[in-house]
Amino acid sequence: MSRLFAHFVLLRPANIITAIADIMLGFAASGSVMMLMQDDEVTAGEPQMRLLYWLILSTIGLYGGGVVFNDVFDAELDRVERPERPIPSGAASRVSATVLGALLLIGGIAAAFQVSVLSGALAVLISVIALVYDALGKHFSVLGPINMGLCRGLNLLLGISAVP
């Protein structure tokens, strides 16, 4: 497995679709979709579409960073239980995965701040809660599901935060 592909695998791209769906559902539930259907022929929906694009970019970074850090924190366990994963197999180093995860989270936060301060604050909160899950939460039968539910619920709120 090439190093580039190994880092791509760390992102779990098939699962990122679910995070994008959260954003789109929140966006639709917020009523922002109605703004896309404006009658103004020149700017019909453009500002709202821009917000949606930023939020989709944000959730890709947040989800991607979260799952990359999940593999970073699980590297020792994965050596035994999932040796084919990129870090234990040596296809990706723990350091490069840490850098990738950090860049993705920072990029996700920065993209959210392009929408609003509220969106940015939600992205920061999602990042912190995801890191708590990765490092600690998943090892506890009560905290883990609550922690993951908070990540998903806040991601839905991130989509709703497009409301001006």
N, C-alpha and C. Protein backbone atom coordinates (compact mmCIF):
# COMPACT_ATOMS: atom_id res chain seq x y z
N MET A 1 0.85 -1.17 0.00
CA MET A 1 0.00 0.00 0.00
C MET A 1 0.90 1.24 0.00
N SER A 2 0.66 2.16 -0.93
CA SER A 2 1.47 3.38 -0.99
C SER A 2 1.17 4.25 0.23
N ARG A 3 2.13 5.10 0.57
CA ARG A 3 1.95 5.98 1.74
C ARG A 3 0.75 6.92 1.56
N LEU A 4 0.59 7.46 0.35
CA LEU A 4 -0.53 8.36 0.09
C LEU A 4 -1.86 7.63 0.27
N PHE A 5 -1.96 6.43 -0.30
CA PHE A 5 -3.19 5.66 -0.17
C PHE A 5 -3.44 5.26 1.28
N ALA A 6 -2.38 4.95 2.01
CA ALA A 6 -2.51 4.58 3.43
C ALA A 6 -3.14 5.73 4.22
N HIS A 7 -2.71 6.94 3.94
CA HIS A 7 -3.27 8.10 4.64
C HIS A 7 -4.72 8.35 4.21
N PHE A 8 -5.03 8.06 2.97
CA PHE A 8 -6.40 8.16 2.48
C PHE A 8 -7.29 7.15 3.21
N VAL A 9 -6.79 5.93 3.40
CA VAL A 9 -7.54 4.88 4.10
C VAL A 9 -7.82 5.30 5.55
N LEU A 10 -6.87 6.00 6.17
CA LEU A 10 -7.07 6.47 7.55
C LEU A 10 -8.32 7.35 7.67
N LEU A 11 -8.69 8.04 6.60
CA LEU A 11 -9.85 8.94 6.60
C LEU A 11 -11.19 8.20 6.59
N ARG A 12 -11.15 6.90 6.26
CA ARG A 12 -12.38 6.12 6.13
C ARG A 12 -13.40 6.86 5.27
N PRO A 13 -13.03 7.10 4.01
CA PRO A 13 -13.86 7.96 3.14
C PRO A 13 -15.31 7.51 2.98
N ALA A 14 -15.58 6.22 3.01
CA ALA A 14 -16.97 5.77 2.87
C ALA A 14 -17.82 6.25 4.03
N ASN A 15 -17.23 6.38 5.21
CA ASN A 15 -17.98 6.83 6.39
C ASN A 15 -18.17 8.34 6.43
N ILE A 16 -17.32 9.08 5.74
CA ILE A 16 -17.44 10.54 5.74
C ILE A 16 -18.78 10.97 5.15
N ILE A 17 -19.32 10.14 4.27
CA ILE A 17 -20.63 10.45 3.65
C ILE A 17 -21.69 10.65 4.73
N THR A 18 -21.61 9.89 5.83
CA THR A 18 -22.62 10.02 6.89
C THR A 18 -22.52 11.38 7.58
N ALA A 19 -21.31 11.90 7.72
CA ALA A 19 -21.13 13.22 8.33
C ALA A 19 -21.69 14.31 7.40
N ILE A 20 -21.47 14.14 6.11
CA ILE A 20 -22.03 15.09 5.13
C ILE A 20 -23.56 15.05 5.19
N ALA A 21 -24.12 13.85 5.35
CA ALA A 21 -25.58 13.73 5.45
C ALA A 21 -26.11 14.48 6.68
N ASP A 22 -25.36 14.43 7.80
CA ASP A 22 -25.77 15.20 8.99
C ASP A 22 -25.86 16.69 8.67
N ILE A 23 -24.86 17.20 7.97
CA ILE A 23 -24.83 18.62 7.62
C ILE A 23 -26.02 18.96 6.72
N MET A 24 -26.25 18.13 5.72
CA MET A 24 -27.34 18.41 4.78
C MET A 24 -28.70 18.34 5.47
N LEU A 25 -28.86 17.40 6.40
CA LEU A 25 -30.12 17.32 7.14
C LEU A 25 -30.31 18.56 8.01
N GLY A 26 -29.27 18.96 8.72
CA GLY A 26 -29.35 20.16 9.54
C GLY A 26 -29.64 21.40 8.71
N PHE A 27 -28.99 21.49 7.57
CA PHE A 27 -29.18 22.61 6.65
C PHE A 27 -30.64 22.65 6.19
N ALA A 28 -31.16 21.49 5.81
CA ALA A 28 -32.55 21.42 5.34
C ALA A 28 -33.52 21.74 6.48
N ALA A 29 -33.26 21.18 7.65
CA ALA A 29 -34.16 21.39 8.79
C ALA A 29 -34.18 22.85 9.25
N SER A 30 -33.10 23.55 9.00
CA SER A 30 -33.01 24.95 9.43
C SER A 30 -33.84 25.89 8.57
N GLY A 31 -34.30 25.41 7.46
CA GLY A 31 -35.03 26.28 6.55
C GLY A 31 -34.13 26.94 5.52
N SER A 32 -32.84 26.69 5.60
CA SER A 32 -31.90 27.30 4.66
C SER A 32 -32.19 26.87 3.23
N VAL A 33 -32.76 25.68 3.07
CA VAL A 33 -33.09 25.20 1.73
C VAL A 33 -34.09 26.14 1.06
N MET A 34 -34.98 26.71 1.85
CA MET A 34 -35.97 27.63 1.28
C MET A 34 -35.28 28.84 0.67
N MET A 35 -34.18 29.26 1.25
CA MET A 35 -33.45 30.40 0.70
C MET A 35 -32.80 30.06 -0.64
N LEU A 36 -32.57 28.76 -0.87
CA LEU A 36 -32.01 28.35 -2.16
C LEU A 36 -33.03 28.50 -3.28
N MET A 37 -34.29 28.57 -2.91
CA MET A 37 -35.35 28.60 -3.91
C MET A 37 -35.88 30.02 -4.13
N GLN A 38 -35.04 31.01 -3.86
CA GLN A 38 -35.44 32.40 -4.06
C GLN A 38 -35.73 32.66 -5.53
N ASP A 39 -36.54 33.67 -5.78
CA ASP A 39 -36.91 34.01 -7.15
C ASP A 39 -35.88 34.90 -7.85
N ASP A 40 -34.99 35.51 -7.11
CA ASP A 40 -34.00 36.40 -7.71
C ASP A 40 -33.12 35.61 -8.67
N GLU A 41 -33.21 35.91 -9.96
CA GLU A 41 -32.49 35.13 -10.98
C GLU A 41 -30.98 35.29 -10.90
N VAL A 42 -30.51 36.42 -10.41
CA VAL A 42 -29.07 36.68 -10.39
C VAL A 42 -28.38 35.96 -9.25
N THR A 43 -28.94 36.04 -8.05
CA THR A 43 -28.25 35.47 -6.88
C THR A 43 -29.04 34.36 -6.21
N ALA A 44 -29.95 33.74 -6.91
CA ALA A 44 -30.82 32.73 -6.30
C ALA A 44 -30.01 31.67 -5.56
N GLY A 45 -30.06 31.73 -4.26
CA GLY A 45 -29.46 30.70 -3.43
C GLY A 45 -27.96 30.71 -3.30
N GLU A 46 -27.26 31.59 -4.03
CA GLU A 46 -25.79 31.55 -4.00
C GLU A 46 -25.20 31.70 -2.61
N PRO A 47 -25.62 32.70 -1.82
CA PRO A 47 -25.01 32.83 -0.48
C PRO A 47 -25.24 31.60 0.39
N GLN A 48 -26.43 31.04 0.35
CA GLN A 48 -26.71 29.86 1.16
C GLN A 48 -25.92 28.65 0.67
N MET A 49 -25.77 28.51 -0.63
CA MET A 49 -24.99 27.39 -1.17
C MET A 49 -23.54 27.50 -0.71
N ARG A 50 -23.02 28.71 -0.68
CA ARG A 50 -21.65 28.91 -0.22
C ARG A 50 -21.50 28.44 1.23
N LEU A 51 -22.48 28.78 2.05
CA LEU A 51 -22.47 28.35 3.45
C LEU A 51 -22.51 26.83 3.54
N LEU A 52 -23.35 26.21 2.73
CA LEU A 52 -23.44 24.75 2.73
C LEU A 52 -22.11 24.12 2.33
N TYR A 53 -21.47 24.67 1.31
CA TYR A 53 -20.17 24.13 0.87
C TYR A 53 -19.13 24.23 1.98
N TRP A 54 -19.10 25.38 2.68
CA TRP A 54 -18.15 25.54 3.79
C TRP A 54 -18.43 24.51 4.89
N LEU A 55 -19.70 24.29 5.19
CA LEU A 55 -20.05 23.35 6.26
C LEU A 55 -19.73 21.91 5.85
N ILE A 56 -19.92 21.58 4.59
CA ILE A 56 -19.54 20.24 4.12
C ILE A 56 -18.03 20.07 4.21
N LEU A 57 -17.29 21.08 3.79
CA LEU A 57 -15.83 21.02 3.91
C LEU A 57 -15.43 20.89 5.38
N SER A 58 -16.11 21.62 6.24
CA SER A 58 -15.83 21.55 7.67
C SER A 58 -16.04 20.15 8.21
N THR A 59 -17.17 19.54 7.90
CA THR A 59 -17.46 18.22 8.46
C THR A 59 -16.51 17.16 7.91
N ILE A 60 -16.07 17.32 6.68
CA ILE A 60 -15.08 16.38 6.13
C ILE A 60 -13.80 16.46 6.96
N GLY A 61 -13.36 17.69 7.27
CA GLY A 61 -12.16 17.85 8.09
C GLY A 61 -12.35 17.34 9.50
N LEU A 62 -13.49 17.65 10.11
CA LEU A 62 -13.74 17.23 11.49
C LEU A 62 -13.86 15.71 11.60
N TYR A 63 -14.64 15.11 10.71
CA TYR A 63 -14.81 13.66 10.76
C TYR A 63 -13.49 12.97 10.41
N GLY A 64 -12.86 13.46 9.33
CA GLY A 64 -11.59 12.86 8.92
C GLY A 64 -10.55 12.95 10.01
N GLY A 65 -10.42 14.12 10.62
CA GLY A 65 -9.46 14.28 11.71
C GLY A 65 -9.79 13.39 12.89
N GLY A 66 -11.06 13.27 13.20
CA GLY A 66 -11.48 12.41 14.31
C GLY A 66 -11.13 10.95 14.10
N VAL A 67 -11.38 10.43 12.91
CA VAL A 67 -11.09 9.01 12.68
C VAL A 67 -9.59 8.76 12.54
N VAL A 68 -8.85 9.74 12.02
CA VAL A 68 -7.40 9.59 11.95
C VAL A 68 -6.83 9.52 13.37
N PHE A 69 -7.27 10.42 14.24
CA PHE A 69 -6.80 10.38 15.63
C PHE A 69 -7.26 9.11 16.34
N ASN A 70 -8.39 8.56 15.95
CA ASN A 70 -8.83 7.29 16.52
C ASN A 70 -7.77 6.21 16.25
N ASP A 71 -7.26 6.18 15.03
CA ASP A 71 -6.21 5.21 14.69
C ASP A 71 -4.89 5.53 15.38
N VAL A 72 -4.59 6.81 15.56
CA VAL A 72 -3.36 7.20 16.27
C VAL A 72 -3.42 6.69 17.71
N PHE A 73 -4.54 6.93 18.38
CA PHE A 73 -4.68 6.50 19.77
C PHE A 73 -4.76 4.98 19.91
N ASP A 74 -5.24 4.29 18.88
CA ASP A 74 -5.39 2.83 18.93
C ASP A 74 -4.22 2.08 18.31
N ALA A 75 -3.14 2.75 17.99
CA ALA A 75 -2.04 2.11 17.26
C ALA A 75 -1.53 0.84 17.94
N GLU A 76 -1.35 0.87 19.24
CA GLU A 76 -0.84 -0.31 19.95
C GLU A 76 -1.85 -1.46 19.93
N LEU A 77 -3.10 -1.16 20.19
CA LEU A 77 -4.15 -2.17 20.15
C LEU A 77 -4.29 -2.74 18.74
N ASP A 78 -4.22 -1.87 17.74
CA ASP A 78 -4.35 -2.31 16.35
C ASP A 78 -3.20 -3.21 15.90
N ARG A 79 -2.04 -3.08 16.52
CA ARG A 79 -0.92 -3.98 16.18
C ARG A 79 -1.32 -5.44 16.42
N VAL A 80 -2.17 -5.65 17.43
CA VAL A 80 -2.62 -7.00 17.76
C VAL A 80 -3.93 -7.34 17.04
N GLU A 81 -4.90 -6.44 17.11
CA GLU A 81 -6.25 -6.75 16.62
C GLU A 81 -6.50 -6.41 15.15
N ARG A 82 -5.82 -5.41 14.63
CA ARG A 82 -6.02 -5.00 13.24
C ARG A 82 -4.67 -4.67 12.59
N PRO A 83 -3.80 -5.64 12.47
CA PRO A 83 -2.45 -5.35 11.95
C PRO A 83 -2.44 -4.87 10.50
N GLU A 84 -3.55 -5.04 9.79
CA GLU A 84 -3.61 -4.59 8.40
C GLU A 84 -3.88 -3.09 8.27
N ARG A 85 -4.30 -2.43 9.35
CA ARG A 85 -4.56 -0.98 9.32
C ARG A 85 -3.26 -0.24 8.98
N PRO A 86 -3.36 0.95 8.42
CA PRO A 86 -2.17 1.67 7.93
C PRO A 86 -1.06 1.91 8.96
N ILE A 87 -1.39 2.28 10.19
CA ILE A 87 -0.33 2.57 11.16
C ILE A 87 0.37 1.30 11.63
N PRO A 88 -0.35 0.27 12.10
CA PRO A 88 0.37 -0.92 12.55
C PRO A 88 1.11 -1.66 11.43
N SER A 89 0.60 -1.54 10.21
CA SER A 89 1.27 -2.22 9.09
C SER A 89 2.52 -1.47 8.64
N GLY A 90 2.70 -0.24 9.12
CA GLY A 90 3.86 0.56 8.74
C GLY A 90 3.66 1.37 7.47
N ALA A 91 2.48 1.28 6.87
CA ALA A 91 2.22 2.04 5.64
C ALA A 91 2.10 3.54 5.93
N ALA A 92 1.70 3.88 7.16
CA ALA A 92 1.64 5.28 7.60
C ALA A 92 2.26 5.34 8.99
N SER A 93 3.05 6.36 9.23
CA SER A 93 3.65 6.50 10.56
C SER A 93 2.67 7.17 11.51
N ARG A 94 2.88 6.93 12.77
CA ARG A 94 2.04 7.56 13.79
C ARG A 94 2.20 9.08 13.75
N VAL A 95 3.42 9.54 13.49
CA VAL A 95 3.69 10.98 13.43
C VAL A 95 2.97 11.61 12.24
N SER A 96 3.07 10.99 11.07
CA SER A 96 2.41 11.56 9.89
C SER A 96 0.90 11.53 10.05
N ALA A 97 0.38 10.49 10.69
CA ALA A 97 -1.06 10.43 10.93
C ALA A 97 -1.50 11.52 11.91
N THR A 98 -0.67 11.78 12.92
CA THR A 98 -0.98 12.84 13.88
C THR A 98 -1.02 14.20 13.18
N VAL A 99 -0.05 14.44 12.30
CA VAL A 99 -0.01 15.70 11.55
C VAL A 99 -1.25 15.80 10.66
N LEU A 100 -1.58 14.71 9.96
CA LEU A 100 -2.76 14.71 9.09
C LEU A 100 -4.03 14.98 9.90
N GLY A 101 -4.19 14.29 11.02
CA GLY A 101 -5.37 14.50 11.86
C GLY A 101 -5.48 15.93 12.35
N ALA A 102 -4.35 16.50 12.78
CA ALA A 102 -4.35 17.89 13.27
C ALA A 102 -4.71 18.86 12.15
N LEU A 103 -4.14 18.66 10.97
CA LEU A 103 -4.44 19.54 9.84
C LEU A 103 -5.92 19.45 9.45
N LEU A 104 -6.46 18.24 9.48
CA LEU A 104 -7.87 18.08 9.15
C LEU A 104 -8.78 18.77 10.16
N LEU A 105 -8.49 18.60 11.44
CA LEU A 105 -9.31 19.26 12.46
C LEU A 105 -9.20 20.78 12.36
N ILE A 106 -7.99 21.28 12.19
CA ILE A 106 -7.79 22.72 12.04
C ILE A 106 -8.50 23.24 10.79
N GLY A 107 -8.38 22.50 9.70
CA GLY A 107 -9.07 22.89 8.46
C GLY A 107 -10.58 22.87 8.63
N GLY A 108 -11.09 21.87 9.33
CA GLY A 108 -12.53 21.79 9.58
C GLY A 108 -13.03 22.95 10.42
N ILE A 109 -12.23 23.32 11.42
CA ILE A 109 -12.59 24.47 12.26
C ILE A 109 -12.54 25.76 11.45
N ALA A 110 -11.48 25.93 10.67
CA ALA A 110 -11.34 27.14 9.85
C ALA A 110 -12.48 27.27 8.85
N ALA A 111 -12.88 26.15 8.23
CA ALA A 111 -13.98 26.19 7.27
C ALA A 111 -15.28 26.60 7.97
N ALA A 112 -15.50 26.09 9.16
CA ALA A 112 -16.72 26.44 9.90
C ALA A 112 -16.75 27.92 10.25
N PHE A 113 -15.60 28.49 10.60
CA PHE A 113 -15.56 29.92 10.92
C PHE A 113 -15.86 30.78 9.69
N GLN A 114 -15.76 30.23 8.49
CA GLN A 114 -16.13 30.98 7.28
C GLN A 114 -17.63 31.21 7.23
N VAL A 115 -18.38 30.39 7.95
CA VAL A 115 -19.84 30.51 7.97
C VAL A 115 -20.27 31.49 9.06
N SER A 116 -19.79 31.26 10.29
CA SER A 116 -20.15 32.15 11.40
C SER A 116 -19.31 31.80 12.62
N VAL A 117 -19.34 32.67 13.60
CA VAL A 117 -18.65 32.40 14.86
C VAL A 117 -19.31 31.20 15.55
N LEU A 118 -20.63 31.12 15.48
CA LEU A 118 -21.34 29.98 16.07
C LEU A 118 -20.88 28.68 15.42
N SER A 119 -20.81 28.66 14.09
CA SER A 119 -20.36 27.46 13.38
C SER A 119 -18.95 27.08 13.80
N GLY A 120 -18.08 28.07 13.90
CA GLY A 120 -16.71 27.82 14.33
C GLY A 120 -16.64 27.27 15.74
N ALA A 121 -17.43 27.84 16.64
CA ALA A 121 -17.46 27.36 18.02
C ALA A 121 -17.96 25.92 18.09
N LEU A 122 -18.98 25.60 17.30
CA LEU A 122 -19.46 24.22 17.24
C LEU A 122 -18.37 23.29 16.73
N ALA A 123 -17.62 23.72 15.73
CA ALA A 123 -16.55 22.89 15.18
C ALA A 123 -15.45 22.65 16.22
N VAL A 124 -15.12 23.67 16.99
CA VAL A 124 -14.13 23.50 18.07
C VAL A 124 -14.65 22.47 19.07
N LEU A 125 -15.91 22.61 19.46
CA LEU A 125 -16.51 21.69 20.42
C LEU A 125 -16.54 20.26 19.88
N ILE A 126 -16.91 20.10 18.62
CA ILE A 126 -16.92 18.78 17.99
C ILE A 126 -15.51 18.18 18.02
N SER A 127 -14.50 18.99 17.71
CA SER A 127 -13.12 18.50 17.71
C SER A 127 -12.70 18.02 19.09
N VAL A 128 -13.00 18.79 20.10
CA VAL A 128 -12.63 18.42 21.48
C VAL A 128 -13.34 17.13 21.88
N ILE A 129 -14.64 17.05 21.61
CA ILE A 129 -15.40 15.87 22.00
C ILE A 129 -14.93 14.64 21.22
N ALA A 130 -14.58 14.81 19.95
CA ALA A 130 -14.05 13.69 19.16
C ALA A 130 -12.72 13.21 19.73
N LEU A 131 -11.86 14.14 20.12
CA LEU A 131 -10.57 13.75 20.70
C LEU A 131 -10.76 13.06 22.06
N VAL A 132 -11.71 13.52 22.84
CA VAL A 132 -12.02 12.86 24.12
C VAL A 132 -12.49 11.43 23.85
N TYR A 133 -13.34 11.27 22.84
CA TYR A 133 -13.81 9.93 22.47
C TYR A 133 -12.63 9.05 22.05
N ASP A 134 -11.80 9.57 21.16
CA ASP A 134 -10.67 8.80 20.64
C ASP A 134 -9.72 8.36 21.74
N ALA A 135 -9.41 9.27 22.65
CA ALA A 135 -8.40 8.99 23.67
C ALA A 135 -8.96 8.23 24.86
N LEU A 136 -10.24 8.43 25.17
CA LEU A 136 -10.75 7.92 26.44
C LEU A 136 -12.16 7.35 26.35
N GLY A 137 -13.06 8.11 25.79
CA GLY A 137 -14.49 7.80 25.84
C GLY A 137 -14.88 6.43 25.34
N LYS A 138 -14.27 5.98 24.27
CA LYS A 138 -14.68 4.71 23.67
C LYS A 138 -14.40 3.51 24.57
N HIS A 139 -13.60 3.71 25.59
CA HIS A 139 -13.25 2.60 26.49
C HIS A 139 -14.25 2.44 27.64
N PHE A 140 -15.27 3.29 27.68
CA PHE A 140 -16.27 3.24 28.75
C PHE A 140 -17.65 2.99 28.17
N SER A 141 -18.36 2.02 28.75
CA SER A 141 -19.64 1.60 28.17
C SER A 141 -20.72 2.68 28.20
N VAL A 142 -20.66 3.60 29.14
CA VAL A 142 -21.66 4.67 29.19
C VAL A 142 -21.14 5.93 28.49
N LEU A 143 -19.93 6.32 28.81
CA LEU A 143 -19.35 7.54 28.23
C LEU A 143 -19.19 7.45 26.71
N GLY A 144 -18.78 6.29 26.22
CA GLY A 144 -18.53 6.13 24.78
C GLY A 144 -19.72 6.48 23.90
N PRO A 145 -20.87 5.83 24.11
CA PRO A 145 -22.04 6.15 23.28
C PRO A 145 -22.53 7.59 23.45
N ILE A 146 -22.46 8.10 24.68
CA ILE A 146 -22.87 9.49 24.91
C ILE A 146 -21.94 10.43 24.15
N ASN A 147 -20.66 10.14 24.25
CA ASN A 147 -19.64 10.94 23.57
C ASN A 147 -19.86 10.94 22.05
N MET A 148 -20.10 9.76 21.49
CA MET A 148 -20.32 9.65 20.05
C MET A 148 -21.63 10.34 19.66
N GLY A 149 -22.66 10.19 20.48
CA GLY A 149 -23.93 10.87 20.21
C GLY A 149 -23.78 12.38 20.20
N LEU A 150 -22.95 12.90 21.11
CA LEU A 150 -22.68 14.34 21.12
C LEU A 150 -22.00 14.78 19.83
N CYS A 151 -21.06 13.99 19.36
CA CYS A 151 -20.39 14.33 18.09
C CYS A 151 -21.40 14.40 16.95
N ARG A 152 -22.26 13.40 16.87
CA ARG A 152 -23.24 13.37 15.79
C ARG A 152 -24.28 14.48 15.93
N GLY A 153 -24.77 14.68 17.15
CA GLY A 153 -25.76 15.73 17.38
C GLY A 153 -25.21 17.11 17.10
N LEU A 154 -23.98 17.36 17.53
CA LEU A 154 -23.36 18.66 17.27
C LEU A 154 -23.10 18.85 15.78
N ASN A 155 -22.80 17.77 15.08
CA ASN A 155 -22.60 17.87 13.63
C ASN A 155 -23.90 18.27 12.94
N LEU A 156 -25.01 17.73 13.43
CA LEU A 156 -26.31 18.14 12.91
C LEU A 156 -26.55 19.62 13.19
N LEU A 157 -26.22 20.06 14.40
CA LEU A 157 -26.34 21.49 14.74
C LEU A 157 -25.43 22.35 13.88
N LEU A 158 -24.28 21.80 13.50
CA LEU A 158 -23.38 22.53 12.61
C LEU A 158 -24.10 22.84 11.29
N GLY A 159 -24.85 21.88 10.78
CA GLY A 159 -25.64 22.12 9.57
C GLY A 159 -26.72 23.17 9.79
N ILE A 160 -27.33 23.14 10.95
CA ILE A 160 -28.37 24.12 11.29
C ILE A 160 -27.78 25.52 11.44
N SER A 161 -26.51 25.59 11.83
CA SER A 161 -25.88 26.90 12.08
C SER A 161 -25.75 27.77 10.83
N ALA A 162 -26.15 27.25 9.69
CA ALA A 162 -26.13 28.05 8.46
C ALA A 162 -27.20 29.13 8.46
N VAL A 163 -28.16 29.01 9.37
CA VAL A 163 -29.23 30.01 9.43
C VAL A 163 -28.62 31.37 9.76
N PRO A 164 -28.90 32.38 8.92
CA PRO A 164 -28.31 33.70 9.17
C PRO A 164 -28.86 34.36 10.43
